Amino acid sequence: MIKSKLGEGLDGRIHRLFPFLFVRPLNPNLLSVLGLLVSLGGAAAWSTGRFREGLVLVFLGGFFDLVDGVVARHNGTASPFGAFLDSTLDRVVDGALMLALVLHYARLDDFAMAWLAGVGLVAMQLVSYTKARAESVVPDFKGGILERAERIVILMFGALLGLMPLAIGIVTLGSVWTAGQRIALARTRMAKLMPPAQPPQVGWPAEARRGDTHGG
């Protein structure tokens, strides 16, 4: 939802707000990797309970992730590999952030929260996997209430407002629900691609019946 809203006119807004990104050609893949490294720094901070410090790094890493595609399109260097790399690194960041929260609450002996974050980690990866797997069969597969942008924003607000347990709960439950939505949607969409079922044959095949007339 957030991604689709931002996508409308995003390139123009990035050009107006951050013109320095387009003075010289930049490697968009390098921006993607920089976003990963900065976000991993944020995850490391979250693992020690420094949520607001980590928030700054997660926000900055998200900025790199936002502009890499805009830079690629501006320079005419957009490529299938760039999109693949960006998506793959997003999965790494998602996993690192949730793993950091698992470690933080485990250090505090709050195993209920650690388990909740662990379930969220698995569910978030499943949300992404179901979409990627479905897209290999169903073109333009979309669906689900809680996409990646929403999940990251909720965690960031949790870090900012000191409500991380609530944020983890929302992200975990929302991710489980979204994965279920996508599985159900994939089943419906894929069923429409299946050829109609052939009615079963009744009795002997025609060839066998013709053969019987010549038998003795």
C-alpha atoms as a PDB file:
ATOM      1  CA  MET A   1       0.000   0.000   0.000  1.00  0.00           C
ATOM      2  CA  ILE A   2       2.681   2.496   1.021  1.00  0.00           C
ATOM      3  CA  LYS A   3       4.884   1.366  -1.858  1.00  0.00           C
ATOM      4  CA  SER A   4       2.124   1.837  -4.407  1.00  0.00           C
ATOM      5  CA  LYS A   5       1.361   5.319  -3.070  1.00  0.00           C
ATOM      6  CA  LEU A   6       4.999   6.354  -3.125  1.00  0.00           C
ATOM      7  CA  GLY A   7       5.438   4.930  -6.600  1.00  0.00           C
ATOM      8  CA  GLU A   8       3.149   7.565  -8.086  1.00  0.00           C
ATOM      9  CA  GLY A   9       5.522  10.358  -9.102  1.00  0.00           C
ATOM     10  CA  LEU A  10       8.336   9.051  -6.902  1.00  0.00           C
ATOM     11  CA  ASP A  11      11.068   9.699  -9.473  1.00  0.00           C
ATOM     12  CA  GLY A  12      10.087  13.344  -9.839  1.00  0.00           C
ATOM     13  CA  ARG A  13      10.005  13.951  -6.100  1.00  0.00           C
ATOM     14  CA  ILE A  14      13.418  12.341  -5.612  1.00  0.00           C
ATOM     15  CA  HIS A  15      14.850  14.511  -8.390  1.00  0.00           C
ATOM     16  CA  ARG A  16      13.499  17.676  -6.776  1.00  0.00           C
ATOM     17  CA  LEU A  17      14.459  16.847  -3.185  1.00  0.00           C
ATOM     18  CA  PHE A  18      17.860  15.226  -3.784  1.00  0.00           C
ATOM     19  CA  PRO A  19      19.345  16.674  -6.995  1.00  0.00           C
ATOM     20  CA  PHE A  20      22.889  15.815  -5.849  1.00  0.00           C
ATOM     21  CA  LEU A  21      22.153  12.153  -6.588  1.00  0.00           C
ATOM     22  CA  PHE A  22      22.045  12.918 -10.298  1.00  0.00           C
ATOM     23  CA  VAL A  23      25.063  15.220 -10.733  1.00  0.00           C
ATOM     24  CA  ARG A  24      27.282  12.283 -11.618  1.00  0.00           C
ATOM     25  CA  PRO A  25      26.362   8.739 -12.622  1.00  0.00           C
ATOM     26  CA  LEU A  26      26.082   6.520  -9.543  1.00  0.00           C
ATOM     27  CA  ASN A  27      26.081   2.752  -9.478  1.00  0.00           C
ATOM     28  CA  PRO A  28      22.593   1.774  -8.250  1.00  0.00           C
ATOM     29  CA  ASN A  29      23.835  -1.626  -7.121  1.00  0.00           C
ATOM     30  CA  LEU A  30      26.383   0.132  -4.921  1.00  0.00           C
ATOM     31  CA  LEU A  31      23.555   2.148  -3.378  1.00  0.00           C
ATOM     32  CA  SER A  32      21.688  -1.096  -2.681  1.00  0.00           C
ATOM     33  CA  VAL A  33      24.723  -2.576  -0.933  1.00  0.00           C
ATOM     34  CA  LEU A  34      25.289   0.626   1.058  1.00  0.00           C
ATOM     35  CA  GLY A  35      21.662   0.477   2.164  1.00  0.00           C
ATOM     36  CA  LEU A  36      22.218  -3.086   3.347  1.00  0.00           C
ATOM     37  CA  LEU A  37      25.338  -2.211   5.344  1.00  0.00           C
ATOM     38  CA  VAL A  38      23.736   0.802   7.008  1.00  0.00           C
ATOM     39  CA  SER A  39      20.612  -1.194   7.870  1.00  0.00           C
ATOM     40  CA  LEU A  40      22.755  -3.962   9.361  1.00  0.00           C
ATOM     41  CA  GLY A  41      24.281  -1.315  11.608  1.00  0.00           C
ATOM     42  CA  GLY A  42      20.762  -0.428  12.711  1.00  0.00           C
ATOM     43  CA  ALA A  43      20.028  -4.085  13.398  1.00  0.00           C
ATOM     44  CA  ALA A  44      23.172  -4.330  15.527  1.00  0.00           C
ATOM     45  CA  ALA A  45      21.983  -1.351  17.572  1.00  0.00           C
ATOM     46  CA  TRP A  46      18.539  -2.905  18.044  1.00  0.00           C
ATOM     47  CA  SER A  47      20.105  -6.134  19.244  1.00  0.00           C
ATOM     48  CA  THR A  48      21.518  -4.223  22.222  1.00  0.00           C
ATOM     49  CA  GLY A  49      18.330  -2.305  22.921  1.00  0.00           C
ATOM     50  CA  ARG A  50      19.451   1.001  21.390  1.00  0.00           C
ATOM     51  CA  PHE A  51      16.249   1.363  19.443  1.00  0.00           C
ATOM     52  CA  ARG A  52      16.347   5.072  18.646  1.00  0.00           C
ATOM     53  CA  GLU A  53      19.988   5.010  17.586  1.00  0.00           C
ATOM     54  CA  GLY A  54      19.244   2.034  15.381  1.00  0.00           C
ATOM     55  CA  LEU A  55      16.190   3.795  14.011  1.00  0.00           C
ATOM     56  CA  VAL A  56      18.382   6.479  12.444  1.00  0.00           C
ATOM     57  CA  LEU A  57      20.453   3.856  10.640  1.00  0.00           C
ATOM     58  CA  VAL A  58      17.412   1.851   9.544  1.00  0.00           C
ATOM     59  CA  PHE A  59      15.852   5.037   8.172  1.00  0.00           C
ATOM     60  CA  LEU A  60      19.053   5.928   6.295  1.00  0.00           C
ATOM     61  CA  GLY A  61      19.334   2.399   4.918  1.00  0.00           C
ATOM     62  CA  GLY A  62      15.733   2.655   3.748  1.00  0.00           C
ATOM     63  CA  PHE A  63      16.620   5.891   1.962  1.00  0.00           C
ATOM     64  CA  PHE A  64      19.317   4.135  -0.065  1.00  0.00           C
ATOM     65  CA  ASP A  65      16.846   1.354  -0.830  1.00  0.00           C
ATOM     66  CA  LEU A  66      14.311   3.939  -2.011  1.00  0.00           C
ATOM     67  CA  VAL A  67      16.564   5.864  -4.367  1.00  0.00           C
ATOM     68  CA  ASP A  68      18.590   3.072  -5.983  1.00  0.00           C
ATOM     69  CA  GLY A  69      15.864   2.305  -8.506  1.00  0.00           C
ATOM     70  CA  VAL A  70      15.313   5.996  -9.264  1.00  0.00           C
ATOM     71  CA  VAL A  71      19.029   6.453  -9.944  1.00  0.00           C
ATOM     72  CA  ALA A  72      19.074   3.364 -12.161  1.00  0.00           C
ATOM     73  CA  ARG A  73      16.173   4.630 -14.255  1.00  0.00           C
ATOM     74  CA  HIS A  74      17.709   8.111 -14.521  1.00  0.00           C
ATOM     75  CA  ASN A  75      21.033   6.735 -15.756  1.00  0.00           C
ATOM     76  CA  GLY A  76      19.453   4.127 -18.009  1.00  0.00           C
ATOM     77  CA  THR A  77      21.159   1.330 -16.067  1.00  0.00           C
ATOM     78  CA  ALA A  78      18.080  -0.437 -14.723  1.00  0.00           C
ATOM     79  CA  SER A  79      18.493  -4.186 -15.186  1.00  0.00           C
ATOM     80  CA  PRO A  80      16.888  -7.480 -14.147  1.00  0.00           C
ATOM     81  CA  PHE A  81      19.927  -8.235 -11.981  1.00  0.00           C
ATOM     82  CA  GLY A  82      19.615  -4.887 -10.221  1.00  0.00           C
ATOM     83  CA  ALA A  83      15.994  -5.663  -9.348  1.00  0.00           C
ATOM     84  CA  PHE A  84      17.024  -9.157  -8.214  1.00  0.00           C
ATOM     85  CA  LEU A  85      19.840  -7.800  -6.041  1.00  0.00           C
ATOM     86  CA  ASP A  86      17.611  -5.157  -4.485  1.00  0.00           C
ATOM     87  CA  SER A  87      14.927  -7.704  -3.610  1.00  0.00           C
ATOM     88  CA  THR A  88      17.472 -10.175  -2.230  1.00  0.00           C
ATOM     89  CA  LEU A  89      19.124  -7.580   0.004  1.00  0.00           C
ATOM     90  CA  ASP A  90      15.689  -6.544   1.273  1.00  0.00           C
ATOM     91  CA  ARG A  91      15.203 -10.088   2.554  1.00  0.00           C
ATOM     92  CA  VAL A  92      18.558  -9.913   4.348  1.00  0.00           C
ATOM     93  CA  VAL A  93      17.597  -6.635   6.041  1.00  0.00           C
ATOM     94  CA  ASP A  94      14.192  -7.977   7.088  1.00  0.00           C
ATOM     95  CA  GLY A  95      15.756 -11.061   8.619  1.00  0.00           C
ATOM     96  CA  ALA A  96      18.524  -9.099  10.336  1.00  0.00           C
ATOM     97  CA  LEU A  97      16.122  -6.653  11.985  1.00  0.00           C
ATOM     98  CA  MET A  98      13.866  -9.367  13.372  1.00  0.00           C
ATOM     99  CA  LEU A  99      16.834 -11.493  14.427  1.00  0.00           C
ATOM    100  CA  ALA A 100      18.212  -8.474  16.279  1.00  0.00           C
ATOM    101  CA  LEU A 101      14.937  -8.222  18.203  1.00  0.00           C
ATOM    102  CA  VAL A 102      15.027 -11.934  19.000  1.00  0.00           C
ATOM    103  CA  LEU A 103      18.543 -11.521  20.427  1.00  0.00           C
ATOM    104  CA  HIS A 104      17.608  -8.402  22.389  1.00  0.00           C
ATOM    105  CA  TYR A 105      14.678  -9.983  24.194  1.00  0.00           C
ATOM    106  CA  ALA A 106      16.533 -13.254  24.706  1.00  0.00           C
ATOM    107  CA  ARG A 107      19.284 -11.288  26.476  1.00  0.00           C
ATOM    108  CA  LEU A 108      16.599  -9.850  28.755  1.00  0.00           C
ATOM    109  CA  ASP A 109      15.230 -13.352  29.415  1.00  0.00           C
ATOM    110  CA  ASP A 110      11.930 -12.220  27.917  1.00  0.00           C
ATOM    111  CA  PHE A 111      11.440 -15.422  25.991  1.00  0.00           C
ATOM    112  CA  ALA A 112       7.801 -14.711  25.126  1.00  0.00           C
ATOM    113  CA  MET A 113       8.856 -11.636  23.167  1.00  0.00           C
ATOM    114  CA  ALA A 114      11.862 -13.458  21.722  1.00  0.00           C
ATOM    115  CA  TRP A 115       9.588 -16.215  20.422  1.00  0.00           C
ATOM    116  CA  LEU A 116       7.110 -13.678  19.064  1.00  0.00           C
ATOM    117  CA  ALA A 117       9.891 -11.919  17.171  1.00  0.00           C
ATOM    118  CA  GLY A 118      11.118 -15.304  15.933  1.00  0.00           C
ATOM    119  CA  VAL A 119       7.699 -16.148  14.561  1.00  0.00           C
ATOM    120  CA  GLY A 120       7.648 -12.719  12.947  1.00  0.00           C
ATOM    121  CA  LEU A 121      11.015 -13.405  11.308  1.00  0.00           C
ATOM    122  CA  VAL A 122       9.722 -16.625   9.736  1.00  0.00           C
ATOM    123  CA  ALA A 123       6.388 -15.083   8.743  1.00  0.00           C
ATOM    124  CA  MET A 124       8.047 -12.080   7.086  1.00  0.00           C
ATOM    125  CA  GLN A 125      10.227 -14.351   4.979  1.00  0.00           C
ATOM    126  CA  LEU A 126       7.193 -16.455   4.089  1.00  0.00           C
ATOM    127  CA  VAL A 127       5.291 -13.356   2.941  1.00  0.00           C
ATOM    128  CA  SER A 128       8.100 -12.513   0.527  1.00  0.00           C
ATOM    129  CA  TYR A 129       8.566 -16.121  -0.609  1.00  0.00           C
ATOM    130  CA  THR A 130       4.901 -16.684  -1.400  1.00  0.00           C
ATOM    131  CA  LYS A 131       4.858 -13.610  -3.623  1.00  0.00           C
ATOM    132  CA  ALA A 132       8.081 -14.541  -5.424  1.00  0.00           C
ATOM    133  CA  ARG A 133       6.948 -18.140  -5.947  1.00  0.00           C
ATOM    134  CA  ALA A 134       3.497 -17.121  -7.139  1.00  0.00           C
ATOM    135  CA  GLU A 135       4.967 -14.616  -9.621  1.00  0.00           C
ATOM    136  CA  SER A 136       6.782 -17.478 -11.351  1.00  0.00           C
ATOM    137  CA  VAL A 137       3.349 -18.798 -12.351  1.00  0.00           C
ATOM    138  CA  VAL A 138       0.907 -15.897 -12.056  1.00  0.00           C
ATOM    139  CA  PRO A 139       1.834 -12.605 -13.768  1.00  0.00           C
ATOM    140  CA  ASP A 140       1.377  -9.399 -11.777  1.00  0.00           C
ATOM    141  CA  PHE A 141       0.654 -11.187  -8.504  1.00  0.00           C
ATOM    142  CA  LYS A 142      -0.349  -8.727  -5.784  1.00  0.00           C
ATOM    143  CA  GLY A 143      -2.180  -9.007  -2.493  1.00  0.00           C
ATOM    144  CA  GLY A 144      -1.907  -8.905   1.271  1.00  0.00           C
ATOM    145  CA  ILE A 145      -2.499  -6.250   3.899  1.00  0.00           C
ATOM    146  CA  LEU A 146       1.045  -5.905   5.243  1.00  0.00           C
ATOM    147  CA  GLU A 147       3.794  -5.483   2.668  1.00  0.00           C
ATOM    148  CA  ARG A 148       7.446  -4.765   3.385  1.00  0.00           C
ATOM    149  CA  ALA A 149       7.154  -0.986   3.596  1.00  0.00           C
ATOM    150  CA  GLU A 150       4.357  -1.232   6.158  1.00  0.00           C
ATOM    151  CA  ARG A 151       6.314  -3.715   8.271  1.00  0.00           C
ATOM    152  CA  ILE A 152       9.437  -1.561   8.383  1.00  0.00           C
ATOM    153  CA  VAL A 153       7.464   1.610   9.149  1.00  0.00           C
ATOM    154  CA  ILE A 154       5.648  -0.095  12.036  1.00  0.00           C
ATOM    155  CA  LEU A 155       8.947  -1.288  13.520  1.00  0.00           C
ATOM    156  CA  MET A 156      10.431   2.187  13.126  1.00  0.00           C
ATOM    157  CA  PHE A 157       7.496   3.778  14.940  1.00  0.00           C
ATOM    158  CA  GLY A 158       7.860   1.161  17.655  1.00  0.00           C
ATOM    159  CA  ALA A 159      11.512   2.137  18.074  1.00  0.00           C
ATOM    160  CA  LEU A 160      10.720   5.861  18.067  1.00  0.00           C
ATOM    161  CA  LEU A 161       7.834   5.721  20.544  1.00  0.00           C
ATOM    162  CA  GLY A 162       9.227   3.065  22.862  1.00  0.00           C
ATOM    163  CA  LEU A 163       6.498   0.628  21.813  1.00  0.00           C
ATOM    164  CA  MET A 164       8.619  -2.071  20.228  1.00  0.00           C
ATOM    165  CA  PRO A 165       6.739  -5.017  21.810  1.00  0.00           C
ATOM    166  CA  LEU A 166       3.484  -3.702  20.341  1.00  0.00           C
ATOM    167  CA  ALA A 167       5.158  -3.141  16.981  1.00  0.00           C
ATOM    168  CA  ILE A 168       6.538  -6.686  16.968  1.00  0.00           C
ATOM    169  CA  GLY A 169       3.107  -8.070  17.759  1.00  0.00           C
ATOM    170  CA  ILE A 170       1.461  -6.117  14.940  1.00  0.00           C
ATOM    171  CA  VAL A 171       4.148  -7.061  12.429  1.00  0.00           C
ATOM    172  CA  THR A 172       4.095 -10.740  13.413  1.00  0.00           C
ATOM    173  CA  LEU A 173       0.316 -11.135  13.343  1.00  0.00           C
ATOM    174  CA  GLY A 174       0.039  -9.039  10.185  1.00  0.00           C
ATOM    175  CA  SER A 175       2.719 -11.082   8.442  1.00  0.00           C
ATOM    176  CA  VAL A 176       1.057 -14.389   9.343  1.00  0.00           C
ATOM    177  CA  TRP A 177      -2.260 -13.043   8.043  1.00  0.00           C
ATOM    178  CA  THR A 178      -0.665 -11.696   4.861  1.00  0.00           C
ATOM    179  CA  ALA A 179       1.080 -14.994   4.137  1.00  0.00           C
ATOM    180  CA  GLY A 180      -2.263 -16.765   4.496  1.00  0.00           C
ATOM    181  CA  GLN A 181      -3.903 -14.224   2.203  1.00  0.00           C
ATOM    182  CA  ARG A 182      -1.274 -14.751  -0.468  1.00  0.00           C
ATOM    183  CA  ILE A 183      -1.489 -18.538  -0.273  1.00  0.00           C
ATOM    184  CA  ALA A 184      -5.271 -18.375  -0.691  1.00  0.00           C
ATOM    185  CA  LEU A 185      -4.976 -15.847  -3.531  1.00  0.00           C
ATOM    186  CA  ALA A 186      -2.316 -17.923  -5.295  1.00  0.00           C
ATOM    187  CA  ARG A 187      -4.563 -20.986  -5.108  1.00  0.00           C
ATOM    188  CA  THR A 188      -7.441 -19.058  -6.684  1.00  0.00           C
ATOM    189  CA  ARG A 189      -5.330 -17.420  -9.394  1.00  0.00           C
ATOM    190  CA  MET A 190      -3.492 -20.643 -10.294  1.00  0.00           C
ATOM    191  CA  ALA A 191      -6.727 -22.622 -10.492  1.00  0.00           C
ATOM    192  CA  LYS A 192      -7.862 -20.260 -13.258  1.00  0.00           C
ATOM    193  CA  LEU A 193      -4.745 -21.125 -15.268  1.00  0.00           C
ATOM    194  CA  MET A 194      -5.404 -24.879 -15.167  1.00  0.00           C
ATOM    195  CA  PRO A 195      -6.946 -26.457 -18.291  1.00  0.00           C
ATOM    196  CA  PRO A 196     -10.509 -27.712 -17.806  1.00  0.00           C
ATOM    197  CA  ALA A 197     -10.682 -31.213 -16.449  1.00  0.00           C
ATOM    198  CA  GLN A 198     -11.506 -33.935 -19.000  1.00  0.00           C
ATOM    199  CA  PRO A 199     -14.550 -36.086 -18.176  1.00  0.00           C
ATOM    200  CA  PRO A 200     -13.629 -39.678 -17.316  1.00  0.00           C
ATOM    201  CA  GLN A 201     -14.168 -42.299 -20.014  1.00  0.00           C
ATOM    202  CA  VAL A 202     -16.968 -44.761 -19.430  1.00  0.00           C
ATOM    203  CA  GLY A 203     -16.533 -48.332 -20.554  1.00  0.00           C
ATOM    204  CA  TRP A 204     -13.799 -49.674 -22.827  1.00  0.00           C
ATOM    205  CA  PRO A 205     -11.830 -47.318 -25.090  1.00  0.00           C
ATOM    206  CA  ALA A 206     -12.981 -47.271 -28.702  1.00  0.00           C
ATOM    207  CA  GLU A 207      -9.824 -49.063 -29.862  1.00  0.00           C
ATOM    208  CA  ALA A 208     -10.448 -51.904 -27.440  1.00  0.00           C
ATOM    209  CA  ARG A 209     -14.067 -52.223 -28.548  1.00  0.00           C
ATOM    210  CA  ARG A 210     -13.013 -52.404 -32.219  1.00  0.00           C
ATOM    211  CA  GLY A 211     -10.459 -55.028 -31.327  1.00  0.00           C
ATOM    212  CA  ASP A 212     -13.127 -57.168 -29.712  1.00  0.00           C
ATOM    213  CA  THR A 213     -15.043 -57.458 -33.010  1.00  0.00           C
ATOM    214  CA  HIS A 214     -12.059 -59.222 -34.596  1.00  0.00           C
ATOM    215  CA  GLY A 215     -11.303 -61.502 -31.681  1.00  0.00           C
ATOM    216  CA  GLY A 216     -12.356 -65.149 -31.541  1.00  0.00           C
END
